[in-house]
Structures are given as structure tokens and as C-alpha cells.
Amino acid sequence: MAFIVKANRDTFAYRFSVVSKDDKDLLDFKQMIKDINKRNRYFQKQYPTRHYGRYRVSLMGRGGKRNPGSNSLVHSRAKYFDVYLYEVY
């Protein structure tokens, strides 16, 4: 089940949040981005003077305890995950 958190998500890269990495919405989103990247690589080879962006899906763990001395949250301790989409140049 995907849901949207608006508090403290000020970046344009944020898409939605999921409870598990095996969530169907997340897997469908990743497959969609994979297909877009495949198509864009094909078009980039056909038309090298144009720019066709490639994208990367990133997960950020939220809601659990952090490791001592670290700013990032280990995925094994996360209660849910924020999904971000970045363009790779």
C-alpha cells in the first residue's frame, strides 16, 4: 500500500511512501522506470544530438532508530520507506 506524506518532504524528487520494499506499487513503479530508461537508451542511440533523461529510483528509510554516529537510517530498522525519483545525467 502506497501513501503520500506531505510533512517535511520539500523536494520535487519525492513520489510516495511504502511500508515494505516488496510493495506492489513500488515494484510496478520500478518496472515502469526501467522500461522508460530502456526506451530512452534506444532513442539516445538513434538520435545522439538530443538528450533523453535516465532515471533512478531511490529509497530512504523512515520511522526507526538511527545508528549511533550516523545520519542515515538502515533499511533493516526502517518502519516505512520514502520513494524518490532522480534524473541521472
C-alpha atoms as a PDB file:
ATOM      1  CA  MET A   1       0.000   0.000   0.000  1.00  0.00           C
ATOM      2  CA  ALA A   2       1.455   3.307  -1.051  1.00  0.00           C
ATOM      3  CA  PHE A   3       0.707   6.566   0.730  1.00  0.00           C
ATOM      4  CA  ILE A   4       1.855  10.191   0.466  1.00  0.00           C
ATOM      5  CA  VAL A   5       3.470  12.092   3.325  1.00  0.00           C
ATOM      6  CA  LYS A   6       3.464  15.864   2.850  1.00  0.00           C
ATOM      7  CA  ALA A   7       5.213  16.924   6.051  1.00  0.00           C
ATOM      8  CA  ASN A   8       8.972  17.529   5.664  1.00  0.00           C
ATOM      9  CA  ARG A   9       9.066  16.323   2.041  1.00  0.00           C
ATOM     10  CA  ASP A  10      10.061  19.554   0.284  1.00  0.00           C
ATOM     11  CA  THR A  11      11.869  18.023  -2.665  1.00  0.00           C
ATOM     12  CA  PHE A  12      10.442  17.518  -6.136  1.00  0.00           C
ATOM     13  CA  ALA A  13      12.045  14.059  -6.203  1.00  0.00           C
ATOM     14  CA  TYR A  14       9.672  12.610  -3.550  1.00  0.00           C
ATOM     15  CA  ARG A  15       6.950  10.410  -5.081  1.00  0.00           C
ATOM     16  CA  PHE A  16       5.262   8.337  -2.347  1.00  0.00           C
ATOM     17  CA  SER A  17       5.926   6.133   0.696  1.00  0.00           C
ATOM     18  CA  VAL A  18       5.589   2.378   1.167  1.00  0.00           C
ATOM     19  CA  VAL A  19       5.632   0.072   4.182  1.00  0.00           C
ATOM     20  CA  SER A  20       7.682  -2.673   2.526  1.00  0.00           C
ATOM     21  CA  LYS A  21      10.256  -2.996  -0.250  1.00  0.00           C
ATOM     22  CA  ASP A  22       8.068  -5.770  -1.686  1.00  0.00           C
ATOM     23  CA  ASP A  23       5.054  -3.458  -2.090  1.00  0.00           C
ATOM     24  CA  LYS A  24       3.279  -3.963  -5.427  1.00  0.00           C
ATOM     25  CA  ASP A  25       3.069  -0.216  -6.096  1.00  0.00           C
ATOM     26  CA  LEU A  26       6.825   0.148  -5.598  1.00  0.00           C
ATOM     27  CA  LEU A  27       7.650  -2.836  -7.806  1.00  0.00           C
ATOM     28  CA  ASP A  28       5.314  -1.540 -10.539  1.00  0.00           C
ATOM     29  CA  PHE A  29       6.919   1.929 -10.284  1.00  0.00           C
ATOM     30  CA  LYS A  30      10.423   0.454 -10.577  1.00  0.00           C
ATOM     31  CA  GLN A  31       9.387  -1.602 -13.611  1.00  0.00           C
ATOM     32  CA  MET A  32       7.871   1.482 -15.244  1.00  0.00           C
ATOM     33  CA  ILE A  33      11.115   3.452 -14.720  1.00  0.00           C
ATOM     34  CA  LYS A  34      13.137   0.513 -16.036  1.00  0.00           C
ATOM     35  CA  ASP A  35      11.019   0.474 -19.222  1.00  0.00           C
ATOM     36  CA  ILE A  36      11.362   4.253 -19.627  1.00  0.00           C
ATOM     37  CA  ASN A  37      15.157   4.024 -19.244  1.00  0.00           C
ATOM     38  CA  LYS A  38      15.315   1.221 -21.801  1.00  0.00           C
ATOM     39  CA  ARG A  39      13.280   3.256 -24.293  1.00  0.00           C
ATOM     40  CA  ASN A  40      15.367   6.391 -23.636  1.00  0.00           C
ATOM     41  CA  ARG A  41      18.648   4.497 -24.182  1.00  0.00           C
ATOM     42  CA  TYR A  42      17.291   3.295 -27.531  1.00  0.00           C
ATOM     43  CA  PHE A  43      16.277   6.817 -28.582  1.00  0.00           C
ATOM     44  CA  GLN A  44      19.624   8.217 -27.424  1.00  0.00           C
ATOM     45  CA  LYS A  45      21.406   5.827 -29.789  1.00  0.00           C
ATOM     46  CA  GLN A  46      19.070   6.718 -32.652  1.00  0.00           C
ATOM     47  CA  TYR A  47      19.230  10.497 -32.090  1.00  0.00           C
ATOM     48  CA  PRO A  48      22.526  11.305 -30.329  1.00  0.00           C
ATOM     49  CA  THR A  49      22.144  15.087 -30.595  1.00  0.00           C
ATOM     50  CA  ARG A  50      19.073  15.074 -28.305  1.00  0.00           C
ATOM     51  CA  HIS A  51      19.005  14.447 -24.573  1.00  0.00           C
ATOM     52  CA  TYR A  52      16.798  11.638 -23.272  1.00  0.00           C
ATOM     53  CA  GLY A  53      16.930  11.503 -19.489  1.00  0.00           C
ATOM     54  CA  ARG A  54      17.506   8.376 -17.480  1.00  0.00           C
ATOM     55  CA  TYR A  55      16.044   7.976 -14.031  1.00  0.00           C
ATOM     56  CA  ARG A  56      16.962   6.293 -10.752  1.00  0.00           C
ATOM     57  CA  VAL A  57      14.579   5.175  -8.019  1.00  0.00           C
ATOM     58  CA  SER A  58      15.913   5.653  -4.503  1.00  0.00           C
ATOM     59  CA  LEU A  59      14.509   4.574  -1.134  1.00  0.00           C
ATOM     60  CA  MET A  60      15.040   6.417   2.153  1.00  0.00           C
ATOM     61  CA  GLY A  61      14.229   4.547   5.353  1.00  0.00           C
ATOM     62  CA  ARG A  62      11.989   6.364   7.848  1.00  0.00           C
ATOM     63  CA  GLY A  63      10.475   5.834  11.271  1.00  0.00           C
ATOM     64  CA  GLY A  64      13.053   3.703  13.070  1.00  0.00           C
ATOM     65  CA  LYS A  65      16.081   4.238  15.262  1.00  0.00           C
ATOM     66  CA  ARG A  66      19.229   5.529  13.628  1.00  0.00           C
ATOM     67  CA  ASN A  67      22.672   4.026  14.005  1.00  0.00           C
ATOM     68  CA  PRO A  68      24.830   5.847  16.557  1.00  0.00           C
ATOM     69  CA  GLY A  69      27.008   8.464  14.856  1.00  0.00           C
ATOM     70  CA  SER A  70      25.184   8.235  11.520  1.00  0.00           C
ATOM     71  CA  ASN A  71      22.620  10.460   9.833  1.00  0.00           C
ATOM     72  CA  SER A  72      21.162   7.721   7.629  1.00  0.00           C
ATOM     73  CA  LEU A  73      18.654   5.079   8.652  1.00  0.00           C
ATOM     74  CA  VAL A  74      19.494   1.456   7.909  1.00  0.00           C
ATOM     75  CA  HIS A  75      16.755  -0.186   5.826  1.00  0.00           C
ATOM     76  CA  SER A  76      16.520  -3.135   8.216  1.00  0.00           C
ATOM     77  CA  ARG A  77      15.452  -0.757  11.032  1.00  0.00           C
ATOM     78  CA  ALA A  78      13.031   1.354   8.961  1.00  0.00           C
ATOM     79  CA  LYS A  79       9.288   1.194   9.583  1.00  0.00           C
ATOM     80  CA  TYR A  80       8.485   2.587   6.119  1.00  0.00           C
ATOM     81  CA  PHE A  81      10.304   3.930   3.073  1.00  0.00           C
ATOM     82  CA  ASP A  82      10.071   7.143   1.089  1.00  0.00           C
ATOM     83  CA  VAL A  83      10.426   6.658  -2.668  1.00  0.00           C
ATOM     84  CA  TYR A  84      12.378   9.270  -4.637  1.00  0.00           C
ATOM     85  CA  LEU A  85      12.948   9.607  -8.373  1.00  0.00           C
ATOM     86  CA  TYR A  86      16.131  11.276  -9.613  1.00  0.00           C
ATOM     87  CA  GLU A  87      17.303  12.054 -13.121  1.00  0.00           C
ATOM     88  CA  VAL A  88      20.772  10.669 -13.873  1.00  0.00           C
ATOM     89  CA  TYR A  89      22.903  12.848 -16.153  1.00  0.00           C
END
